[in-house]
Amino acid sequence: MYRVWNFLTNYSLLLIFGAVTALIWANLDAHSYHQIVDFAIWEHAPIGQMHDGSRTLTLHYLINDVLMAFFFAIAAKEVWEAIILKNGSLRGKKAATPLFATVGGMLGPIAVYLGMAYFIWPDTYGDVQNGWAIPTATDIAFSYLVGRMVFGAGHPAVRFLLLLAIADDAAGLIILAVFYPSSELAPEWLFLSLGAAIAVFALANWLPRYMDRGNQARPVSTWVRQKLKFWPYLIAGCVSWFGFQEAGIHPALGLLPIVPTIPHADRAFGIFSEAEQYLSDLLNQIEHLLKHPVEIILFFFGLLNAGVEFSAISEPTWLVLFGLLVGKPVGILIFGVVGAHVLRLGLPQGMRTIDLLVIGCVAAIGFTVSLFVASVAFPGGPVQDAAKMGALFSFSAAGLSLIVGKFFRVVKQEF
């Protein structure tokens, strides 16, 4: 539990504090809250939102579009290691059923969200349909914590949940890039991002290793590592970020092409492992350097995005909430059963079929990524505010998970 709590302390407690502060502030004095959110840092900035024909860098844009790129880079690092490393959690047969269940955990919420919107509130369907991806998200840290509370640290369902959550994050990054462009698409600009990734990999990663071939002292690689450090990748990241912005893809995803180019260890201990801090490869060193800045970024993300007045609760709130609380558990159960029993991919030893439903309830905590998707799915206004409230209410999935776990007699396994 210590490792999970330590991760939550590093990445999530300030986020919660920011979100709670925003909720209280917006409901006490909405005018002053929105003045801060829309505060103009730089008029006619080279980056920023179009406003009255000019480009203005606002505090909201700085956090959501620029600095949140570091948060998504850390998420991409975990996904990349899970896929590429020999002991990666998303490699091999062990990941087959969780990956299949992940598909259900995304299609289920979409079906519930769009189905409820179409059949229950058809008059508002056109206004809310673009938010279909909001309830597909799973907050890894909080879901993992609740999963351990329900199943115990040693239960195979906890590892199944973590695999599912990581895969869900990977799919969420793709959805953001493909379905939620930040402006009119100009895909030719992606060649700038691709070129930056290829150039930095060739010059700062592959070339030094090639020049050191046959020399165990590795003088060139050592010089690059000690003298240049992370700077080539930061420069490439800035170029890639600009390419994403100009391409019309959300620039917060702009660092994703650079993450795979950074030298990494030949193994990973996992997102909640203390042993990760002892890996000395550049990728893990960069993650450690980003830890405290990302804490602060997440605080401001919560502060600038969760300030919703309770009067904003309306149809989108219930669409998001039921998409998460109903669609995700049912989707994970159905696809998990199909994967495990129909396709005979199997379940981990010691895990019951009904545990899939409990896992689905735990995975229904959307929070961070759901808030982010809500902020890009809808323009600022009552629909966006209502959808954000649904993302915040998804914390109720923690209580639901404990109740469902008790009802289906989950036996906790601590070791």
Protein backbone atom coordinates (compact mmCIF):
# COMPACT_ATOMS: atom_id res chain seq x y z
CA MET A 1 0.00 0.00 0.00
CA TYR A 2 2.93 2.34 0.68
CA ARG A 3 4.05 2.33 -2.97
CA VAL A 4 0.55 3.16 -4.18
CA TRP A 5 0.10 5.87 -1.57
CA ASN A 6 3.51 7.30 -2.50
CA PHE A 7 2.46 7.45 -6.16
CA LEU A 8 -0.81 9.12 -5.23
CA THR A 9 1.08 11.63 -3.10
CA ASN A 10 3.39 12.38 -6.01
CA TYR A 11 0.81 12.73 -8.75
CA SER A 12 -2.74 12.92 -7.43
CA LEU A 13 -3.19 14.57 -4.04
CA LEU A 14 -2.38 18.03 -5.35
CA LEU A 15 -4.70 17.33 -8.29
CA ILE A 16 -7.54 16.55 -5.86
CA PHE A 17 -6.72 19.61 -3.78
CA GLY A 18 -6.81 21.77 -6.91
CA ALA A 19 -10.13 20.25 -8.02
CA VAL A 20 -11.78 20.68 -4.61
CA THR A 21 -10.50 24.26 -4.37
CA ALA A 22 -11.92 24.98 -7.82
CA LEU A 23 -15.33 23.53 -6.93
CA ILE A 24 -15.58 25.61 -3.76
CA TRP A 25 -14.27 28.76 -5.43
CA ALA A 26 -16.56 28.52 -8.49
CA ASN A 27 -19.63 28.01 -6.31
CA LEU A 28 -18.75 30.89 -3.98
CA ASP A 29 -17.58 33.43 -6.56
CA ALA A 30 -17.84 32.23 -10.15
CA HIS A 31 -16.87 35.61 -11.61
CA SER A 32 -13.46 35.84 -9.91
CA TYR A 33 -12.80 32.14 -10.64
CA HIS A 34 -13.32 32.54 -14.38
CA GLN A 35 -11.23 35.72 -14.37
CA ILE A 36 -8.30 33.62 -13.17
CA VAL A 37 -9.00 30.81 -15.66
CA ASP A 38 -9.06 33.24 -18.58
CA PHE A 39 -6.23 35.42 -17.27
CA ALA A 40 -4.16 36.67 -20.23
CA ILE A 41 -0.45 36.06 -19.66
CA TRP A 42 0.71 37.32 -23.05
CA GLU A 43 -1.29 39.25 -25.62
CA HIS A 44 -0.42 38.54 -29.29
CA ALA A 45 1.63 35.55 -28.14
CA PRO A 46 3.30 33.25 -30.68
CA ILE A 47 1.24 30.44 -29.19
CA GLY A 48 -2.23 30.57 -27.74
CA GLN A 49 -5.90 30.68 -28.47
CA MET A 50 -7.40 32.78 -31.21
CA HIS A 51 -9.27 35.61 -29.55
CA ASP A 52 -10.82 38.50 -31.48
CA GLY A 53 -8.36 37.97 -34.32
CA SER A 54 -5.29 37.94 -32.07
CA ARG A 55 -3.38 35.16 -30.33
CA THR A 56 -3.59 35.33 -26.55
CA LEU A 57 -1.73 33.04 -24.17
CA THR A 58 -4.11 32.44 -21.27
CA LEU A 59 -3.37 30.64 -18.03
CA HIS A 60 -5.83 27.90 -19.04
CA TYR A 61 -4.06 27.40 -22.38
CA LEU A 62 -0.64 27.32 -20.71
CA ILE A 63 -1.70 24.50 -18.39
CA ASN A 64 -3.98 22.44 -20.64
CA ASP A 65 -2.18 22.74 -23.98
CA VAL A 66 1.46 23.32 -23.03
CA LEU A 67 2.37 22.00 -19.60
CA MET A 68 0.01 19.00 -19.57
CA ALA A 69 2.23 17.64 -22.34
CA PHE A 70 4.63 16.55 -19.58
CA PHE A 71 1.86 14.59 -17.83
CA PHE A 72 0.95 12.78 -21.04
CA ALA A 73 4.65 12.12 -21.68
CA ILE A 74 4.85 10.26 -18.35
CA ALA A 75 1.73 8.27 -19.24
CA ALA A 76 3.25 7.49 -22.66
CA LYS A 77 6.48 6.34 -20.98
CA GLU A 78 4.60 3.72 -18.97
CA VAL A 79 2.66 2.55 -22.02
CA TRP A 80 5.82 2.42 -24.15
CA GLU A 81 7.70 0.31 -21.59
CA ALA A 82 4.72 -2.00 -21.18
CA ILE A 83 4.74 -2.66 -24.94
CA ILE A 84 8.41 -2.67 -25.95
CA LEU A 85 10.32 -4.28 -23.08
CA LYS A 86 10.76 -8.04 -22.84
CA ASN A 87 9.03 -8.13 -19.45
CA GLY A 88 6.48 -5.50 -20.47
CA SER A 89 3.04 -6.00 -19.00
CA LEU A 90 1.26 -5.60 -22.35
CA ARG A 91 3.28 -8.29 -24.12
CA GLY A 92 2.41 -11.92 -24.64
CA LYS A 93 -0.57 -14.07 -23.79
CA LYS A 94 -0.86 -12.71 -20.23
CA ALA A 95 -2.17 -9.44 -21.65
CA ALA A 96 -4.65 -10.98 -24.10
CA THR A 97 -7.77 -11.07 -21.91
CA PRO A 98 -7.11 -7.67 -20.23
CA LEU A 99 -6.64 -6.11 -23.67
CA PHE A 100 -9.87 -7.68 -24.88
CA ALA A 101 -11.67 -6.46 -21.76
CA THR A 102 -10.27 -2.97 -22.40
CA VAL A 103 -12.16 -2.88 -25.69
CA GLY A 104 -15.38 -3.62 -23.80
CA GLY A 105 -14.44 -1.02 -21.21
CA MET A 106 -14.45 1.58 -23.96
CA LEU A 107 -17.32 0.42 -26.17
CA GLY A 108 -19.65 -0.08 -23.19
CA PRO A 109 -19.43 3.55 -21.98
CA ILE A 110 -19.77 4.83 -25.54
CA ALA A 111 -22.92 2.74 -26.09
CA VAL A 112 -24.49 3.87 -22.80
CA TYR A 113 -23.57 7.53 -23.36
CA LEU A 114 -24.86 7.74 -26.93
CA GLY A 115 -27.80 5.40 -26.28
CA MET A 116 -29.08 7.41 -23.33
CA ALA A 117 -28.57 10.67 -25.23
CA TYR A 118 -30.46 9.39 -28.27
CA PHE A 119 -33.38 7.65 -26.57
CA ILE A 120 -33.85 9.62 -23.34
CA TRP A 121 -32.83 13.15 -24.33
CA PRO A 122 -33.11 13.20 -28.14
CA ASP A 123 -33.58 16.98 -28.18
CA THR A 124 -30.08 17.48 -26.80
CA TYR A 125 -28.37 14.67 -28.74
CA GLY A 126 -26.73 17.02 -31.21
CA ASP A 127 -25.31 19.13 -28.41
CA VAL A 128 -23.82 16.27 -26.38
CA GLN A 129 -22.81 13.61 -28.91
CA ASN A 130 -19.23 14.84 -29.21
CA GLY A 131 -18.59 13.88 -25.57
CA TRP A 132 -18.79 10.13 -26.26
CA ALA A 133 -15.12 9.57 -25.30
CA ILE A 134 -15.35 11.22 -21.87
CA PRO A 135 -16.58 8.09 -20.02
CA THR A 136 -14.06 5.78 -21.70
CA ALA A 137 -11.21 6.94 -19.45
CA THR A 138 -9.79 5.16 -16.40
CA ASP A 139 -7.70 6.98 -13.80
CA ILE A 140 -4.81 4.55 -13.24
CA ALA A 141 -3.68 5.72 -9.80
CA PHE A 142 -7.06 5.91 -8.09
CA SER A 143 -8.41 2.77 -9.74
CA TYR A 144 -5.32 0.85 -8.64
CA LEU A 145 -5.67 2.12 -5.08
CA VAL A 146 -9.37 1.17 -4.89
CA GLY A 147 -8.60 -2.16 -6.54
CA ARG A 148 -6.17 -3.00 -3.74
CA MET A 149 -8.78 -1.97 -1.17
CA VAL A 150 -11.33 -4.32 -2.77
CA PHE A 151 -9.17 -7.30 -3.73
CA GLY A 152 -6.05 -6.97 -1.58
CA ALA A 153 -2.53 -6.41 -2.88
CA GLY A 154 -1.89 -10.05 -3.80
CA HIS A 155 -5.05 -10.78 -5.77
CA PRO A 156 -4.51 -11.52 -9.50
CA ALA A 157 -7.44 -9.20 -10.28
CA VAL A 158 -5.28 -6.23 -9.23
CA ARG A 159 -2.66 -7.01 -11.87
CA PHE A 160 -5.46 -7.58 -14.39
CA LEU A 161 -6.87 -4.14 -13.50
CA LEU A 162 -3.49 -2.44 -13.91
CA LEU A 163 -2.97 -4.00 -17.35
CA LEU A 164 -6.46 -2.87 -18.36
CA ALA A 165 -5.89 0.67 -17.08
CA ILE A 166 -2.56 1.04 -18.92
CA ALA A 167 -4.13 -0.22 -22.16
CA ASP A 168 -7.06 2.16 -21.59
CA ASP A 169 -4.59 5.06 -21.29
CA ALA A 170 -2.93 4.06 -24.56
CA ALA A 171 -6.28 3.93 -26.34
CA GLY A 172 -7.27 7.25 -24.78
CA LEU A 173 -4.17 8.96 -26.20
CA ILE A 174 -5.07 7.67 -29.67
CA ILE A 175 -8.69 8.85 -29.30
CA LEU A 176 -7.55 12.33 -28.26
CA ALA A 177 -5.22 12.59 -31.25
CA VAL A 178 -7.64 11.23 -33.85
CA PHE A 179 -11.11 12.39 -32.77
CA TYR A 180 -10.47 15.66 -30.93
CA PRO A 181 -8.39 17.96 -33.13
CA SER A 182 -7.73 21.35 -31.61
CA SER A 183 -8.37 23.16 -34.89
CA GLU A 184 -8.71 22.51 -38.61
CA LEU A 185 -6.50 19.55 -39.49
CA ALA A 186 -3.28 20.18 -41.39
CA PRO A 187 -1.63 16.73 -41.17
CA GLU A 188 1.41 17.77 -43.22
CA TRP A 189 2.73 19.48 -40.07
CA LEU A 190 3.08 16.05 -38.45
CA PHE A 191 6.11 15.51 -40.66
CA LEU A 192 7.80 18.18 -38.52
CA SER A 193 7.12 16.10 -35.39
CA LEU A 194 8.20 12.92 -37.12
CA GLY A 195 11.37 14.60 -38.38
CA ALA A 196 12.20 15.86 -34.89
CA ALA A 197 11.77 12.35 -33.46
CA ILE A 198 13.91 10.71 -36.17
CA ALA A 199 16.61 13.38 -35.91
CA VAL A 200 16.99 13.22 -32.14
CA PHE A 201 16.96 9.42 -32.14
CA ALA A 202 19.62 9.27 -34.85
CA LEU A 203 21.90 11.99 -33.47
CA ALA A 204 21.57 11.54 -29.69
CA ASN A 205 20.77 7.83 -29.38
CA TRP A 206 21.69 5.64 -32.36
CA LEU A 207 24.81 7.48 -33.65
CA PRO A 208 26.70 7.51 -30.31
CA ARG A 209 26.01 3.80 -29.84
CA TYR A 210 27.11 3.12 -33.42
CA MET A 211 30.37 5.03 -32.89
CA ASP A 212 30.98 3.07 -29.69
CA ARG A 213 30.49 -0.34 -31.30
CA GLY A 214 33.16 -2.76 -30.08
CA ASN A 215 34.31 -0.40 -27.31
CA GLN A 216 32.99 -1.40 -23.91
CA ALA A 217 34.05 1.94 -22.43
CA ARG A 218 31.42 3.64 -24.65
CA PRO A 219 33.18 7.06 -24.63
CA VAL A 220 30.87 8.80 -27.14
CA SER A 221 27.64 7.59 -25.50
CA THR A 222 29.01 8.60 -22.09
CA TRP A 223 29.93 12.09 -23.34
CA VAL A 224 26.48 12.59 -24.87
CA ARG A 225 24.85 11.34 -21.69
CA GLN A 226 26.92 13.49 -19.32
CA LYS A 227 27.23 16.68 -21.37
CA LEU A 228 24.03 16.92 -23.38
CA LYS A 229 21.76 15.08 -20.92
CA PHE A 230 18.07 15.59 -21.76
CA TRP A 231 18.49 18.83 -23.75
CA PRO A 232 18.38 17.31 -27.26
CA TYR A 233 15.10 15.60 -26.39
CA LEU A 234 13.63 18.76 -24.88
CA ILE A 235 14.46 20.70 -28.05
CA ALA A 236 12.98 17.92 -30.19
CA GLY A 237 9.94 17.92 -27.90
CA CYS A 238 9.39 21.64 -28.46
CA VAL A 239 9.58 21.15 -32.23
CA SER A 240 7.20 18.18 -32.04
CA TRP A 241 4.77 20.14 -29.84
CA PHE A 242 4.72 22.95 -32.42
CA GLY A 243 4.11 20.41 -35.18
CA PHE A 244 1.11 18.99 -33.32
CA GLN A 245 -0.32 22.45 -32.69
CA GLU A 246 -0.01 23.48 -36.32
CA ALA A 247 -1.39 20.10 -37.46
CA GLY A 248 -4.57 20.76 -35.48
CA ILE A 249 -3.98 17.83 -33.10
CA HIS A 250 -4.15 18.65 -29.42
CA PRO A 251 -0.64 19.92 -28.59
CA ALA A 252 -0.69 18.35 -25.11
CA LEU A 253 0.10 15.12 -27.00
CA GLY A 254 3.05 16.72 -28.75
CA LEU A 255 5.77 14.94 -26.75
CA LEU A 256 4.46 11.46 -27.54
CA PRO A 257 6.62 10.91 -30.67
CA ILE A 258 9.75 11.83 -28.68
CA VAL A 259 9.28 9.42 -25.75
CA PRO A 260 10.21 6.25 -27.73
CA THR A 261 13.45 7.89 -28.94
CA ILE A 262 14.88 8.33 -25.41
CA PRO A 263 17.35 5.65 -24.22
CA HIS A 264 15.64 3.33 -21.77
CA ALA A 265 16.54 0.38 -19.57
CA ASP A 266 15.98 -3.16 -20.79
CA ARG A 267 13.43 -3.72 -18.05
CA ALA A 268 10.79 -1.89 -16.06
CA PHE A 269 9.55 -2.71 -12.59
CA GLY A 270 6.14 -1.15 -13.02
CA ILE A 271 4.36 2.12 -12.51
CA PHE A 272 4.03 1.73 -8.71
CA SER A 273 7.37 0.07 -7.96
CA GLU A 274 9.94 1.73 -5.70
CA ALA A 275 12.66 -0.05 -7.70
CA GLU A 276 11.95 2.26 -10.65
CA GLN A 277 13.89 5.02 -8.90
CA TYR A 278 17.10 2.96 -9.10
CA LEU A 279 17.02 2.64 -12.89
CA SER A 280 19.68 4.98 -14.27
CA ASP A 281 18.62 5.12 -17.93
CA LEU A 282 17.82 8.54 -19.34
CA LEU A 283 14.10 7.85 -19.77
CA ASN A 284 13.65 7.06 -16.08
CA GLN A 285 15.91 9.96 -15.08
CA ILE A 286 13.72 12.34 -17.06
CA GLU A 287 10.62 10.91 -15.37
CA HIS A 288 12.21 11.53 -11.96
CA LEU A 289 13.10 15.12 -12.96
CA LEU A 290 9.49 15.70 -14.03
CA LYS A 291 7.94 14.32 -10.84
CA HIS A 292 7.67 17.53 -8.83
CA PRO A 293 6.89 19.83 -11.78
CA VAL A 294 4.08 17.50 -12.84
CA GLU A 295 2.67 17.57 -9.29
CA ILE A 296 2.33 21.34 -9.58
CA ILE A 297 0.98 21.12 -13.14
CA LEU A 298 -1.72 18.69 -12.02
CA PHE A 299 -2.69 21.00 -9.16
CA PHE A 300 -3.27 23.83 -11.63
CA PHE A 301 -5.01 21.46 -14.04
CA GLY A 302 -7.50 20.58 -11.29
CA LEU A 303 -7.81 24.22 -10.27
CA LEU A 304 -8.47 25.51 -13.79
CA ASN A 305 -10.71 22.69 -15.03
CA ALA A 306 -12.83 21.47 -12.12
CA GLY A 307 -14.43 24.80 -11.21
CA VAL A 308 -18.02 23.90 -12.04
CA GLU A 309 -21.10 25.37 -10.40
CA PHE A 310 -23.48 22.75 -9.02
CA SER A 311 -26.27 24.47 -10.91
CA ALA A 312 -24.58 23.20 -14.11
CA ILE A 313 -25.66 19.61 -13.38
CA SER A 314 -27.77 18.49 -16.33
CA GLU A 315 -28.07 15.76 -18.97
CA PRO A 316 -24.34 15.53 -19.85
CA THR A 317 -23.57 14.93 -16.16
CA TRP A 318 -25.72 11.81 -16.10
CA LEU A 319 -24.53 10.66 -19.52
CA VAL A 320 -20.91 10.71 -18.40
CA LEU A 321 -21.67 9.24 -14.98
CA PHE A 322 -23.84 6.38 -16.24
CA GLY A 323 -21.42 5.75 -19.08
CA LEU A 324 -18.74 5.15 -16.47
CA LEU A 325 -20.76 3.45 -13.72
CA VAL A 326 -22.87 1.23 -16.00
CA GLY A 327 -21.20 1.04 -19.39
CA LYS A 328 -17.68 0.31 -18.20
CA PRO A 329 -18.49 -2.58 -15.78
CA VAL A 330 -20.92 -4.20 -18.23
CA GLY A 331 -18.55 -3.76 -21.17
CA ILE A 332 -15.59 -5.20 -19.29
CA LEU A 333 -17.68 -8.15 -18.06
CA ILE A 334 -19.09 -9.03 -21.50
CA PHE A 335 -15.83 -8.68 -23.42
CA GLY A 336 -13.87 -10.29 -20.60
CA VAL A 337 -16.16 -13.34 -20.68
CA VAL A 338 -15.89 -13.54 -24.47
CA GLY A 339 -12.11 -13.28 -24.33
CA ALA A 340 -11.60 -15.65 -21.42
CA HIS A 341 -14.18 -18.35 -22.25
CA VAL A 342 -15.39 -18.01 -25.84
CA LEU A 343 -11.96 -17.28 -27.32
CA ARG A 344 -10.35 -19.38 -24.56
CA LEU A 345 -7.74 -16.79 -23.70
CA GLY A 346 -8.29 -17.62 -20.04
CA LEU A 347 -8.19 -15.71 -16.76
CA PRO A 348 -5.28 -15.49 -14.32
CA GLN A 349 -5.18 -18.35 -11.84
CA GLY A 350 -7.20 -17.50 -8.75
CA MET A 351 -9.48 -15.00 -10.51
CA ARG A 352 -13.21 -15.69 -10.95
CA THR A 353 -15.35 -14.64 -13.88
CA ILE A 354 -17.53 -12.43 -11.65
CA ASP A 355 -14.38 -10.56 -10.63
CA LEU A 356 -14.51 -8.98 -14.09
CA LEU A 357 -17.64 -7.06 -13.05
CA VAL A 358 -15.94 -5.83 -9.88
CA ILE A 359 -12.88 -4.78 -11.89
CA GLY A 360 -15.23 -2.88 -14.20
CA CYS A 361 -16.68 -0.98 -11.25
CA VAL A 362 -13.20 -0.05 -10.06
CA ALA A 363 -12.14 1.04 -13.57
CA ALA A 364 -15.13 3.40 -13.71
CA ILE A 365 -13.15 6.09 -11.87
CA GLY A 366 -12.45 8.43 -14.80
CA PHE A 367 -11.40 11.70 -13.15
CA THR A 368 -8.13 13.08 -14.62
CA VAL A 369 -8.38 12.00 -18.26
CA SER A 370 -12.18 12.34 -18.27
CA LEU A 371 -11.80 15.96 -17.14
CA PHE A 372 -9.25 16.57 -19.86
CA VAL A 373 -11.40 15.01 -22.60
CA ALA A 374 -14.42 17.05 -21.43
CA SER A 375 -12.35 20.22 -21.77
CA VAL A 376 -11.54 19.44 -25.42
CA ALA A 377 -14.81 17.75 -26.44
CA PHE A 378 -16.98 20.80 -25.78
CA PRO A 379 -16.39 24.55 -25.93
CA GLY A 380 -16.51 26.38 -22.62
CA GLY A 381 -20.07 26.69 -21.38
CA PRO A 382 -22.91 24.79 -19.71
CA VAL A 383 -22.45 21.52 -21.66
CA GLN A 384 -18.75 21.33 -20.84
CA ASP A 385 -19.41 22.19 -17.19
CA ALA A 386 -22.09 19.52 -16.89
CA ALA A 387 -19.82 16.90 -18.47
CA LYS A 388 -16.99 17.83 -16.10
CA MET A 389 -19.34 17.34 -13.15
CA GLY A 390 -19.98 13.79 -14.36
CA ALA A 391 -16.22 13.16 -14.44
CA LEU A 392 -15.90 14.47 -10.87
CA PHE A 393 -18.84 12.36 -9.69
CA SER A 394 -17.10 9.25 -11.04
CA PHE A 395 -15.33 9.05 -7.68
CA SER A 396 -18.55 7.43 -6.49
CA ALA A 397 -17.32 4.32 -8.32
CA ALA A 398 -15.00 3.72 -5.35
CA GLY A 399 -17.95 3.20 -3.01
CA LEU A 400 -19.78 1.16 -5.63
CA SER A 401 -16.73 -1.09 -6.02
CA LEU A 402 -16.57 -1.81 -2.30
CA ILE A 403 -20.28 -2.65 -2.20
CA VAL A 404 -20.16 -4.88 -5.30
CA GLY A 405 -17.04 -6.59 -3.97
CA LYS A 406 -18.79 -7.40 -0.70
CA PHE A 407 -21.94 -8.58 -2.50
CA PHE A 408 -20.01 -11.01 -4.70
CA ARG A 409 -17.87 -12.14 -1.77
CA VAL A 410 -14.48 -11.11 -3.04
CA VAL A 411 -11.85 -12.69 -0.79
CA LYS A 412 -9.02 -10.25 -0.22
CA GLN A 413 -5.52 -11.58 -0.82
CA GLU A 414 -2.85 -9.39 0.74
CA PHE A 415 0.12 -11.51 -0.35
